[in-house]
Amino acid sequence: RRKCGAVFCSVACEEAECSAGHRVLCGQQGGEGKGEERGGAWEKFKFHAAAEQESFLLAASLIAQLCCLPKQQAEKLRTELGKLCGGPWWDLIKVPNDVSPPRHAAYRARVRKSVLGKSLSYL
């Protein structure tokens, strides 16, 4: 168990994660209070993502891992990840039954704007 509360199944997994994205997102790393500030923001972001769009957690983890890679390797991986992505996440937003089909796009646009605003405020 790390100081931040993260639990790993082995030392090898802990080292792999800390060399990957954990050190970017972890609130216990960083100097002079910045780590705690970042950790609090990360905790708020996790709760927000769980409530709004869990795929944000995967995206944040991938971005953090990309930040830890050498530039050339990160570019190659970013290109490969782009091939895996289907449509935008907001196309997956469930529209309530009382919203008529012609209004689905407008509903999704409002939700997208609201969710992105909250997400960015945590980052």
N, C-alpha and C. Protein backbone atom coordinates (compact mmCIF):
# COMPACT_ATOMS: atom_id res chain seq x y z
N ARG A 1 0.86 -1.19 0.00
CA ARG A 1 0.00 0.00 0.00
C ARG A 1 0.89 1.23 0.00
N ARG A 2 0.55 2.16 -0.91
CA ARG A 2 1.31 3.41 -0.99
C ARG A 2 0.70 4.45 -0.05
N LYS A 3 1.43 5.50 0.18
CA LYS A 3 0.97 6.59 1.04
C LYS A 3 -0.36 7.18 0.55
N CYS A 4 -0.57 7.15 -0.75
CA CYS A 4 -1.79 7.72 -1.34
C CYS A 4 -3.00 6.80 -1.19
N GLY A 5 -2.79 5.56 -0.76
CA GLY A 5 -3.88 4.62 -0.59
C GLY A 5 -4.00 3.61 -1.72
N ALA A 6 -3.22 3.80 -2.79
CA ALA A 6 -3.25 2.85 -3.91
C ALA A 6 -2.68 1.51 -3.44
N VAL A 7 -3.33 0.45 -3.87
CA VAL A 7 -2.90 -0.89 -3.50
C VAL A 7 -2.53 -1.65 -4.77
N PHE A 8 -1.42 -2.33 -4.73
CA PHE A 8 -0.93 -3.08 -5.89
C PHE A 8 -0.74 -4.54 -5.48
N CYS A 9 -0.89 -5.44 -6.44
CA CYS A 9 -0.80 -6.86 -6.15
C CYS A 9 0.64 -7.32 -5.97
N SER A 10 1.59 -6.56 -6.49
CA SER A 10 3.00 -6.93 -6.35
C SER A 10 3.87 -5.70 -6.51
N VAL A 11 5.12 -5.84 -6.12
CA VAL A 11 6.08 -4.74 -6.28
C VAL A 11 6.26 -4.43 -7.76
N ALA A 12 6.27 -5.47 -8.60
CA ALA A 12 6.43 -5.25 -10.04
C ALA A 12 5.28 -4.42 -10.61
N CYS A 13 4.05 -4.71 -10.18
CA CYS A 13 2.89 -3.93 -10.66
C CYS A 13 2.95 -2.50 -10.13
N GLU A 14 3.37 -2.34 -8.90
CA GLU A 14 3.50 -0.99 -8.34
C GLU A 14 4.53 -0.17 -9.12
N GLU A 15 5.67 -0.77 -9.40
CA GLU A 15 6.71 -0.07 -10.15
C GLU A 15 6.25 0.26 -11.57
N ALA A 16 5.54 -0.67 -12.19
CA ALA A 16 5.04 -0.44 -13.55
C ALA A 16 4.03 0.71 -13.56
N GLU A 17 3.12 0.72 -12.61
CA GLU A 17 2.09 1.77 -12.56
C GLU A 17 2.70 3.12 -12.23
N CYS A 18 3.67 3.13 -11.31
CA CYS A 18 4.27 4.40 -10.92
C CYS A 18 5.16 4.97 -12.00
N SER A 19 5.67 4.11 -12.86
CA SER A 19 6.45 4.64 -13.97
C SER A 19 5.53 5.01 -15.13
N ALA A 20 4.28 4.56 -15.05
CA ALA A 20 3.32 4.87 -16.11
C ALA A 20 2.54 6.12 -15.74
N GLY A 21 1.30 6.00 -15.39
CA GLY A 21 0.47 7.17 -15.18
C GLY A 21 0.24 7.59 -13.75
N HIS A 22 0.50 6.71 -12.80
CA HIS A 22 0.19 7.00 -11.41
C HIS A 22 0.92 8.26 -10.92
N ARG A 23 2.15 8.40 -11.30
CA ARG A 23 2.92 9.56 -10.80
C ARG A 23 2.37 10.88 -11.33
N VAL A 24 1.66 10.86 -12.46
CA VAL A 24 1.07 12.08 -13.00
C VAL A 24 -0.20 12.44 -12.23
N LEU A 25 -0.99 11.45 -11.86
CA LEU A 25 -2.28 11.68 -11.24
C LEU A 25 -2.28 11.66 -9.72
N CYS A 26 -1.29 11.01 -9.13
CA CYS A 26 -1.26 10.79 -7.68
C CYS A 26 -1.12 12.10 -6.92
N GLY A 27 -1.92 12.26 -5.91
CA GLY A 27 -1.86 13.46 -5.08
C GLY A 27 -0.75 13.45 -4.06
N GLN A 28 -0.10 12.33 -3.88
CA GLN A 28 0.97 12.25 -2.89
C GLN A 28 2.34 12.52 -3.49
N GLN A 29 2.39 12.77 -4.77
CA GLN A 29 3.66 13.05 -5.42
C GLN A 29 3.66 14.49 -5.89
N GLY A 30 4.77 15.10 -5.83
CA GLY A 30 4.87 16.52 -6.18
C GLY A 30 5.31 17.29 -4.96
N GLY A 31 5.79 18.45 -5.16
CA GLY A 31 6.37 19.19 -4.05
C GLY A 31 5.53 20.32 -3.54
N GLU A 32 5.77 20.69 -2.31
CA GLU A 32 5.24 21.86 -1.65
C GLU A 32 3.75 22.06 -1.83
N GLY A 33 2.97 21.06 -1.44
CA GLY A 33 1.52 21.19 -1.46
C GLY A 33 0.86 20.93 -2.79
N LYS A 34 1.61 20.94 -3.87
CA LYS A 34 1.00 20.73 -5.19
C LYS A 34 0.44 19.33 -5.32
N GLY A 35 1.11 18.36 -4.72
CA GLY A 35 0.64 16.98 -4.79
C GLY A 35 -0.72 16.82 -4.14
N GLU A 36 -0.89 17.42 -2.95
CA GLU A 36 -2.17 17.32 -2.26
C GLU A 36 -3.27 18.01 -3.05
N GLU A 37 -2.96 19.15 -3.61
CA GLU A 37 -3.95 19.88 -4.42
C GLU A 37 -4.36 19.04 -5.62
N ARG A 38 -3.38 18.44 -6.30
CA ARG A 38 -3.66 17.62 -7.47
C ARG A 38 -4.44 16.38 -7.06
N GLY A 39 -4.09 15.79 -5.91
CA GLY A 39 -4.80 14.61 -5.45
C GLY A 39 -6.26 14.89 -5.16
N GLY A 40 -6.54 16.04 -4.54
CA GLY A 40 -7.92 16.41 -4.27
C GLY A 40 -8.71 16.60 -5.55
N ALA A 41 -8.07 17.23 -6.52
CA ALA A 41 -8.72 17.43 -7.82
C ALA A 41 -8.96 16.09 -8.50
N TRP A 42 -7.98 15.18 -8.40
CA TRP A 42 -8.13 13.86 -9.01
C TRP A 42 -9.27 13.10 -8.35
N GLU A 43 -9.39 13.17 -7.03
CA GLU A 43 -10.48 12.50 -6.33
C GLU A 43 -11.83 13.05 -6.79
N LYS A 44 -11.95 14.37 -6.90
CA LYS A 44 -13.21 14.98 -7.38
C LYS A 44 -13.49 14.53 -8.81
N PHE A 45 -12.45 14.49 -9.63
CA PHE A 45 -12.63 14.08 -11.02
C PHE A 45 -13.11 12.64 -11.09
N LYS A 46 -12.56 11.75 -10.26
CA LYS A 46 -12.98 10.34 -10.27
C LYS A 46 -14.47 10.21 -9.93
N PHE A 47 -14.92 10.93 -8.91
CA PHE A 47 -16.34 10.87 -8.55
C PHE A 47 -17.21 11.45 -9.66
N HIS A 48 -16.73 12.55 -10.24
CA HIS A 48 -17.46 13.17 -11.36
C HIS A 48 -17.56 12.20 -12.53
N ALA A 49 -16.45 11.57 -12.89
CA ALA A 49 -16.43 10.64 -14.02
C ALA A 49 -17.34 9.44 -13.76
N ALA A 50 -17.32 8.94 -12.53
CA ALA A 50 -18.18 7.80 -12.20
C ALA A 50 -19.66 8.18 -12.35
N ALA A 51 -20.00 9.41 -12.03
CA ALA A 51 -21.39 9.84 -12.12
C ALA A 51 -21.80 10.21 -13.55
N GLU A 52 -20.86 10.77 -14.31
CA GLU A 52 -21.22 11.30 -15.62
C GLU A 52 -20.83 10.42 -16.80
N GLN A 53 -19.58 9.95 -16.79
CA GLN A 53 -19.07 9.21 -17.95
C GLN A 53 -17.80 8.48 -17.54
N GLU A 54 -17.93 7.19 -17.22
CA GLU A 54 -16.78 6.43 -16.72
C GLU A 54 -15.62 6.38 -17.70
N SER A 55 -15.90 6.54 -18.97
CA SER A 55 -14.83 6.48 -19.95
C SER A 55 -13.82 7.62 -19.74
N PHE A 56 -14.22 8.68 -19.00
CA PHE A 56 -13.28 9.75 -18.68
C PHE A 56 -12.11 9.22 -17.85
N LEU A 57 -12.38 8.23 -16.97
CA LEU A 57 -11.31 7.66 -16.15
C LEU A 57 -10.29 6.95 -17.03
N LEU A 58 -10.76 6.20 -17.97
CA LEU A 58 -9.85 5.52 -18.90
C LEU A 58 -9.06 6.55 -19.69
N ALA A 59 -9.73 7.57 -20.17
CA ALA A 59 -9.05 8.62 -20.94
C ALA A 59 -7.98 9.31 -20.10
N ALA A 60 -8.31 9.65 -18.86
CA ALA A 60 -7.33 10.31 -17.98
C ALA A 60 -6.13 9.41 -17.73
N SER A 61 -6.39 8.14 -17.52
CA SER A 61 -5.30 7.19 -17.29
C SER A 61 -4.40 7.07 -18.53
N LEU A 62 -5.02 6.98 -19.69
CA LEU A 62 -4.24 6.89 -20.93
C LEU A 62 -3.43 8.16 -21.18
N ILE A 63 -4.03 9.30 -20.94
CA ILE A 63 -3.31 10.57 -21.13
C ILE A 63 -2.14 10.66 -20.16
N ALA A 64 -2.37 10.25 -18.91
CA ALA A 64 -1.28 10.27 -17.93
C ALA A 64 -0.15 9.35 -18.35
N GLN A 65 -0.49 8.19 -18.88
CA GLN A 65 0.55 7.26 -19.34
C GLN A 65 1.29 7.82 -20.54
N LEU A 66 0.56 8.47 -21.45
CA LEU A 66 1.22 9.09 -22.61
C LEU A 66 2.20 10.18 -22.17
N CYS A 67 1.84 10.90 -21.11
CA CYS A 67 2.72 11.96 -20.60
C CYS A 67 4.06 11.41 -20.10
N CYS A 68 4.07 10.15 -19.73
CA CYS A 68 5.27 9.54 -19.17
C CYS A 68 6.16 8.88 -20.22
N LEU A 69 5.69 8.82 -21.44
CA LEU A 69 6.45 8.16 -22.51
C LEU A 69 7.35 9.16 -23.25
N PRO A 70 8.44 8.66 -23.84
CA PRO A 70 9.21 9.52 -24.73
C PRO A 70 8.32 9.99 -25.88
N LYS A 71 8.55 11.18 -26.40
CA LYS A 71 7.66 11.81 -27.38
C LYS A 71 7.36 10.93 -28.58
N GLN A 72 8.37 10.32 -29.17
CA GLN A 72 8.16 9.51 -30.37
C GLN A 72 7.27 8.30 -30.06
N GLN A 73 7.51 7.67 -28.94
CA GLN A 73 6.70 6.50 -28.55
C GLN A 73 5.27 6.94 -28.25
N ALA A 74 5.10 8.09 -27.61
CA ALA A 74 3.77 8.59 -27.29
C ALA A 74 2.99 8.89 -28.56
N GLU A 75 3.64 9.48 -29.56
CA GLU A 75 2.97 9.79 -30.82
C GLU A 75 2.48 8.52 -31.51
N LYS A 76 3.32 7.50 -31.51
CA LYS A 76 2.95 6.23 -32.15
C LYS A 76 1.75 5.61 -31.43
N LEU A 77 1.81 5.60 -30.10
CA LEU A 77 0.71 5.02 -29.32
C LEU A 77 -0.57 5.84 -29.50
N ARG A 78 -0.46 7.15 -29.54
CA ARG A 78 -1.62 8.00 -29.73
C ARG A 78 -2.30 7.68 -31.07
N THR A 79 -1.51 7.45 -32.10
CA THR A 79 -2.04 7.10 -33.41
C THR A 79 -2.78 5.76 -33.35
N GLU A 80 -2.18 4.78 -32.68
CA GLU A 80 -2.81 3.46 -32.58
C GLU A 80 -4.09 3.53 -31.75
N LEU A 81 -4.08 4.29 -30.66
CA LEU A 81 -5.28 4.42 -29.83
C LEU A 81 -6.41 5.08 -30.61
N GLY A 82 -6.06 6.04 -31.46
CA GLY A 82 -7.06 6.72 -32.28
C GLY A 82 -7.81 5.77 -33.18
N LYS A 83 -7.13 4.73 -33.64
CA LYS A 83 -7.77 3.72 -34.50
C LYS A 83 -8.81 2.91 -33.74
N LEU A 84 -8.63 2.77 -32.43
CA LEU A 84 -9.54 1.96 -31.62
C LEU A 84 -10.82 2.69 -31.25
N CYS A 85 -10.75 4.00 -31.25
CA CYS A 85 -11.90 4.80 -30.81
C CYS A 85 -12.99 4.80 -31.87
N GLY A 86 -14.18 4.60 -31.41
CA GLY A 86 -15.32 4.66 -32.32
C GLY A 86 -15.78 6.10 -32.42
N GLY A 87 -17.03 6.31 -32.13
CA GLY A 87 -17.56 7.66 -32.17
C GLY A 87 -17.25 8.41 -30.89
N PRO A 88 -17.62 9.67 -30.86
CA PRO A 88 -17.41 10.48 -29.67
C PRO A 88 -18.24 9.96 -28.49
N TRP A 89 -17.74 10.18 -27.28
CA TRP A 89 -18.43 9.69 -26.08
C TRP A 89 -19.83 10.27 -25.96
N TRP A 90 -20.03 11.51 -26.40
CA TRP A 90 -21.33 12.14 -26.22
C TRP A 90 -22.41 11.51 -27.08
N ASP A 91 -22.02 10.75 -28.12
CA ASP A 91 -23.02 10.02 -28.90
C ASP A 91 -23.59 8.85 -28.11
N LEU A 92 -22.93 8.49 -27.01
CA LEU A 92 -23.38 7.37 -26.18
C LEU A 92 -24.25 7.81 -25.02
N ILE A 93 -24.46 9.11 -24.87
CA ILE A 93 -25.29 9.62 -23.77
C ILE A 93 -26.72 9.12 -23.94
N LYS A 94 -27.23 8.54 -22.88
CA LYS A 94 -28.62 8.04 -22.92
C LYS A 94 -29.56 9.24 -22.83
N VAL A 95 -30.44 9.30 -23.79
CA VAL A 95 -31.41 10.39 -23.85
C VAL A 95 -32.69 9.93 -23.16
N PRO A 96 -33.25 10.74 -22.26
CA PRO A 96 -34.49 10.35 -21.58
C PRO A 96 -35.62 10.11 -22.58
N ASN A 97 -36.53 9.25 -22.21
CA ASN A 97 -37.65 8.89 -23.10
C ASN A 97 -38.54 10.08 -23.45
N ASP A 98 -38.59 11.09 -22.56
CA ASP A 98 -39.48 12.23 -22.82
C ASP A 98 -38.87 13.26 -23.78
N VAL A 99 -37.67 13.02 -24.27
CA VAL A 99 -37.04 13.91 -25.26
C VAL A 99 -37.30 13.34 -26.64
N SER A 100 -37.95 14.12 -27.49
CA SER A 100 -38.31 13.63 -28.83
C SER A 100 -37.05 13.44 -29.69
N PRO A 101 -37.06 12.48 -30.60
CA PRO A 101 -35.89 12.21 -31.45
C PRO A 101 -35.29 13.43 -32.14
N PRO A 102 -36.08 14.37 -32.64
CA PRO A 102 -35.45 15.54 -33.27
C PRO A 102 -34.64 16.39 -32.28
N ARG A 103 -34.90 16.23 -30.98
CA ARG A 103 -34.21 17.03 -29.94
C ARG A 103 -33.04 16.28 -29.31
N HIS A 104 -32.78 15.05 -29.75
CA HIS A 104 -31.69 14.26 -29.16
C HIS A 104 -30.34 14.96 -29.28
N ALA A 105 -30.04 15.49 -30.45
CA ALA A 105 -28.74 16.15 -30.67
C ALA A 105 -28.58 17.35 -29.75
N ALA A 106 -29.62 18.15 -29.60
CA ALA A 106 -29.56 19.32 -28.72
C ALA A 106 -29.38 18.90 -27.27
N TYR A 107 -30.09 17.84 -26.87
CA TYR A 107 -29.96 17.33 -25.50
C TYR A 107 -28.52 16.88 -25.24
N ARG A 108 -27.97 16.09 -26.16
CA ARG A 108 -26.59 15.61 -26.00
C ARG A 108 -25.60 16.77 -25.97
N ALA A 109 -25.84 17.79 -26.78
CA ALA A 109 -24.95 18.95 -26.80
C ALA A 109 -24.96 19.67 -25.45
N ARG A 110 -26.14 19.82 -24.84
CA ARG A 110 -26.23 20.46 -23.52
C ARG A 110 -25.50 19.64 -22.46
N VAL A 111 -25.72 18.33 -22.48
CA VAL A 111 -25.06 17.46 -21.51
C VAL A 111 -23.55 17.50 -21.72
N ARG A 112 -23.13 17.43 -22.97
CA ARG A 112 -21.70 17.47 -23.28
C ARG A 112 -21.06 18.73 -22.72
N LYS A 113 -21.68 19.87 -22.97
CA LYS A 113 -21.14 21.15 -22.50
C LYS A 113 -21.05 21.17 -20.98
N SER A 114 -22.09 20.72 -20.32
CA SER A 114 -22.12 20.71 -18.86
C SER A 114 -21.05 19.77 -18.28
N VAL A 115 -20.99 18.56 -18.83
CA VAL A 115 -20.04 17.56 -18.31
C VAL A 115 -18.60 18.00 -18.58
N LEU A 116 -18.33 18.51 -19.76
CA LEU A 116 -16.97 18.97 -20.06
C LEU A 116 -16.58 20.14 -19.17
N GLY A 117 -17.51 21.03 -18.91
CA GLY A 117 -17.22 22.15 -18.01
C GLY A 117 -16.82 21.67 -16.63
N LYS A 118 -17.58 20.71 -16.09
CA LYS A 118 -17.24 20.14 -14.78
C LYS A 118 -15.89 19.43 -14.84
N SER A 119 -15.69 18.64 -15.88
CA SER A 119 -14.45 17.88 -16.01
C SER A 119 -13.24 18.81 -16.02
N LEU A 120 -13.30 19.84 -16.83
CA LEU A 120 -12.18 20.77 -16.94
C LEU A 120 -11.94 21.52 -15.64
N SER A 121 -12.99 21.77 -14.88
CA SER A 121 -12.79 22.48 -13.61
C SER A 121 -11.98 21.63 -12.62
N TYR A 122 -12.04 20.31 -12.75
CA TYR A 122 -11.27 19.43 -11.86
C TYR A 122 -9.84 19.26 -12.31
N LEU A 123 -9.60 19.46 -13.58
CA LEU A 123 -8.25 19.28 -14.11
C LEU A 123 -7.57 20.62 -14.15
